[in-house]
Amino acid sequence: MYKVLKLIALFLIIPNFALAQKLGHIDSEYVLNKMPEYSEKKAEIDQLAKDYQKEVRSLLSEVEAMRSDLRSKEVLFTAEMKKEREAEIEKKAQEALDKQTQLFGFDGLLFKKQEELLQPLRQKLWEAVESVARQRGLDYILDKAADVGIIYSNPVHDYTEYVLEELGLLEDDN
C-alpha cells in the first residue's frame, strides 16, 4: 500500500515539476552564420587549412619521389644501400606524419587557431542567449546545432530570431 501511495505521489509531482520548466531552443549554427565576423574567421581558418594541407602534401610528394627513385634504381644498389635508402624514406614518411599530426591533430595548430578565432564569437552568442533566456523567463535553451538529439521541436519555442535581434543581426524582410 505504501508503494502505491508513493507511486501516485510521484505521478502527481512529476507533471507539475515538468510544467514548471520553461524550455526554448535556438540554432547556434544559423546564428553564427548570420554574424559577418564568423564568415571572415571561417574563411581565414579555411585558408590556413589549405596552406597546412599543401605543406603536408609537399612532404608526402617527397616521400613518393624518393620511393619512385628507389624503385627505378633498385637493381643498381647493394642490399646495404637499399636498406639505407628505405630507412631515409621511412624517416621522411614519419616526418610527414608528424607534421600532419602537428597541424591537424586533436590539439594541432589548426584546432588551436580555430579556438582562438571563434571563441570570442561563441562567447558573444552565449551572452546573447543568456540575455534572451532571462528576458523570456526561460529555464533552459537547447541548441539544435549541437548533438542534443532534438528530433522535433515546436517552432513556437524557437528563440533564434530573438538572439539575432539581441546581436543586432536581424534583417527586415519587408
Protein backbone atom coordinates (compact mmCIF):
# COMPACT_ATOMS: atom_id res chain seq x y z
CA MET A 1 0.00 0.00 0.00
CA TYR A 2 2.82 2.37 0.88
CA LYS A 3 4.48 1.74 -2.51
CA VAL A 4 1.21 2.52 -4.30
CA LEU A 5 0.86 5.84 -2.45
CA LYS A 6 4.48 6.69 -3.25
CA LEU A 7 3.86 5.90 -6.93
CA ILE A 8 0.72 8.05 -7.03
CA ALA A 9 2.55 10.94 -5.35
CA LEU A 10 5.37 10.60 -7.87
CA PHE A 11 2.94 10.79 -10.79
CA LEU A 12 1.32 13.88 -9.30
CA ILE A 13 4.60 15.69 -8.58
CA ILE A 14 6.49 14.96 -11.81
CA PRO A 15 3.96 16.52 -14.21
CA ASN A 16 3.75 19.66 -12.05
CA PHE A 17 7.53 19.88 -11.94
CA ALA A 18 7.76 19.37 -15.71
CA LEU A 19 5.15 22.07 -16.34
CA ALA A 20 7.12 24.49 -14.18
CA GLN A 21 10.11 24.25 -16.50
CA LYS A 22 10.18 26.61 -19.46
CA LEU A 23 12.23 25.46 -22.45
CA GLY A 24 13.31 27.11 -25.66
CA HIS A 25 15.76 26.29 -28.39
CA ILE A 26 17.99 28.06 -30.86
CA ASP A 27 20.10 27.08 -33.84
CA SER A 28 23.59 28.34 -33.00
CA GLU A 29 24.93 27.34 -36.42
CA TYR A 30 22.32 29.57 -38.07
CA VAL A 31 23.08 32.46 -35.72
CA LEU A 32 26.85 32.16 -36.19
CA ASN A 33 26.42 32.10 -39.97
CA LYS A 34 24.49 35.37 -39.72
CA MET A 35 27.43 37.05 -37.96
CA PRO A 36 29.70 38.80 -40.52
CA GLU A 37 32.77 38.23 -38.34
CA TYR A 38 32.11 34.49 -38.35
CA SER A 39 32.33 34.32 -42.14
CA GLU A 40 35.64 36.20 -42.06
CA LYS A 41 37.08 33.96 -39.36
CA LYS A 42 35.81 30.83 -41.12
CA ALA A 43 37.46 31.95 -44.38
CA GLU A 44 40.72 32.58 -42.51
CA ILE A 45 40.58 29.10 -40.97
CA ASP A 46 39.79 27.51 -44.34
CA GLN A 47 42.77 29.27 -45.95
CA LEU A 48 45.03 28.19 -43.11
CA ALA A 49 43.81 24.58 -43.55
CA LYS A 50 44.60 24.75 -47.27
CA ASP A 51 48.09 26.07 -46.55
CA TYR A 52 48.71 23.36 -43.98
CA GLN A 53 47.38 20.72 -46.37
CA LYS A 54 49.73 21.97 -49.09
CA GLU A 55 52.65 21.69 -46.66
CA VAL A 56 51.77 18.10 -45.77
CA ARG A 57 51.14 17.19 -49.42
CA SER A 58 54.58 18.54 -50.29
CA LEU A 59 56.22 16.24 -47.75
CA LEU A 60 54.19 13.26 -48.97
CA SER A 61 55.21 14.06 -52.56
CA GLU A 62 58.85 14.00 -51.50
CA VAL A 63 58.30 10.57 -49.95
CA GLU A 64 56.68 9.28 -53.15
CA ALA A 65 59.51 10.73 -55.26
CA MET A 66 62.06 9.01 -53.02
CA ARG A 67 60.19 5.69 -53.33
CA SER A 68 59.94 6.05 -57.09
CA ASP A 69 63.64 6.85 -57.31
CA LEU A 70 64.46 3.79 -55.21
CA ARG A 71 62.30 1.53 -57.39
CA SER A 72 63.90 2.80 -60.59
CA LYS A 73 67.48 2.40 -59.29
CA GLU A 74 66.91 -0.61 -57.04
CA VAL A 75 68.88 -3.00 -59.24
CA LEU A 76 71.96 -0.75 -59.02
CA PHE A 77 72.08 -0.75 -55.21
CA THR A 78 73.62 -3.26 -52.87
CA ALA A 79 71.45 -4.66 -50.10
CA GLU A 80 73.10 -2.27 -47.64
CA MET A 81 72.48 0.79 -49.87
CA LYS A 82 68.89 -0.29 -50.40
CA LYS A 83 68.33 -0.56 -46.63
CA GLU A 84 69.84 2.91 -46.13
CA ARG A 85 67.51 4.41 -48.75
CA GLU A 86 64.48 2.63 -47.27
CA ALA A 87 65.42 3.98 -43.83
CA GLU A 88 65.65 7.52 -45.29
CA ILE A 89 62.25 7.07 -46.92
CA GLU A 90 60.69 5.82 -43.68
CA LYS A 91 62.23 8.74 -41.79
CA LYS A 92 60.76 11.18 -44.32
CA ALA A 93 57.36 9.43 -44.18
CA GLN A 94 57.39 9.67 -40.38
CA GLU A 95 58.29 13.35 -40.67
CA ALA A 96 55.26 13.88 -42.92
CA LEU A 97 53.02 12.02 -40.48
CA ASP A 98 54.36 14.03 -37.54
CA LYS A 99 53.79 17.27 -39.44
CA GLN A 100 50.23 16.22 -40.28
CA THR A 101 49.55 15.43 -36.61
CA GLN A 102 51.17 18.70 -35.50
CA LEU A 103 48.97 20.70 -37.88
CA PHE A 104 45.70 18.74 -37.98
CA GLY A 105 45.74 16.63 -34.82
CA PHE A 106 43.24 16.97 -31.97
CA ASP A 107 45.45 19.53 -30.26
CA GLY A 108 47.09 20.67 -33.50
CA LEU A 109 47.81 24.17 -34.73
CA LEU A 110 44.63 24.34 -36.83
CA PHE A 111 42.46 23.35 -33.85
CA LYS A 112 44.17 25.93 -31.63
CA LYS A 113 43.79 28.67 -34.23
CA GLN A 114 40.13 27.77 -34.71
CA GLU A 115 39.52 28.02 -30.96
CA GLU A 116 41.42 31.31 -30.79
CA LEU A 117 39.43 32.89 -33.62
CA LEU A 118 35.96 31.53 -32.84
CA GLN A 119 35.90 31.68 -29.03
CA PRO A 120 35.08 35.43 -28.86
CA LEU A 121 32.17 34.92 -31.26
CA ARG A 122 30.86 31.95 -29.28
CA GLN A 123 31.15 33.99 -26.09
CA LYS A 124 29.14 36.80 -27.68
CA LEU A 125 26.49 34.27 -28.77
CA TRP A 126 26.23 32.68 -25.33
CA GLU A 127 25.90 36.09 -23.66
CA ALA A 128 23.04 36.92 -26.05
CA VAL A 129 21.43 33.52 -25.34
CA GLU A 130 21.65 34.14 -21.61
CA SER A 131 20.14 37.60 -22.03
CA VAL A 132 17.23 36.23 -24.11
CA ALA A 133 16.65 33.44 -21.59
CA ARG A 134 16.45 35.94 -18.73
CA GLN A 135 14.17 38.32 -20.67
CA ARG A 136 11.82 35.50 -21.70
CA GLY A 137 11.84 33.72 -18.35
CA LEU A 138 13.25 30.50 -19.78
CA ASP A 139 14.77 27.80 -17.63
CA TYR A 140 16.58 26.06 -20.49
CA ILE A 141 17.52 26.80 -24.07
CA LEU A 142 18.63 23.87 -26.15
CA ASP A 143 20.86 24.16 -29.20
CA LYS A 144 19.56 22.39 -32.30
CA ALA A 145 23.01 22.60 -33.93
CA ALA A 146 24.66 20.69 -31.08
CA ASP A 147 24.34 16.95 -30.61
CA VAL A 148 21.45 17.17 -28.16
CA GLY A 149 19.18 14.84 -30.06
CA ILE A 150 16.21 17.09 -30.77
CA ILE A 151 14.12 15.23 -33.29
CA TYR A 152 11.13 17.54 -33.10
CA SER A 153 10.67 20.99 -31.74
CA ASN A 154 7.67 23.27 -31.84
CA PRO A 155 8.60 26.47 -33.72
CA VAL A 156 6.77 28.44 -31.05
CA HIS A 157 9.73 27.75 -28.77
CA ASP A 158 12.42 28.75 -31.29
CA TYR A 159 14.23 31.78 -29.90
CA THR A 160 16.82 32.05 -32.67
CA GLU A 161 15.28 35.26 -34.01
CA TYR A 162 15.40 36.85 -30.56
CA VAL A 163 19.11 36.02 -30.27
CA LEU A 164 19.69 37.53 -33.73
CA GLU A 165 17.77 40.62 -32.60
CA GLU A 166 19.84 40.79 -29.40
CA LEU A 167 23.01 40.71 -31.51
CA GLY A 168 21.61 43.31 -33.91
CA LEU A 169 21.73 40.87 -36.82
CA LEU A 170 18.01 40.59 -37.58
CA GLU A 171 17.20 41.70 -41.11
CA ASP A 172 13.87 43.23 -42.07
CA ASP A 173 12.16 41.06 -44.67
CA ASN A 174 9.82 43.93 -45.68
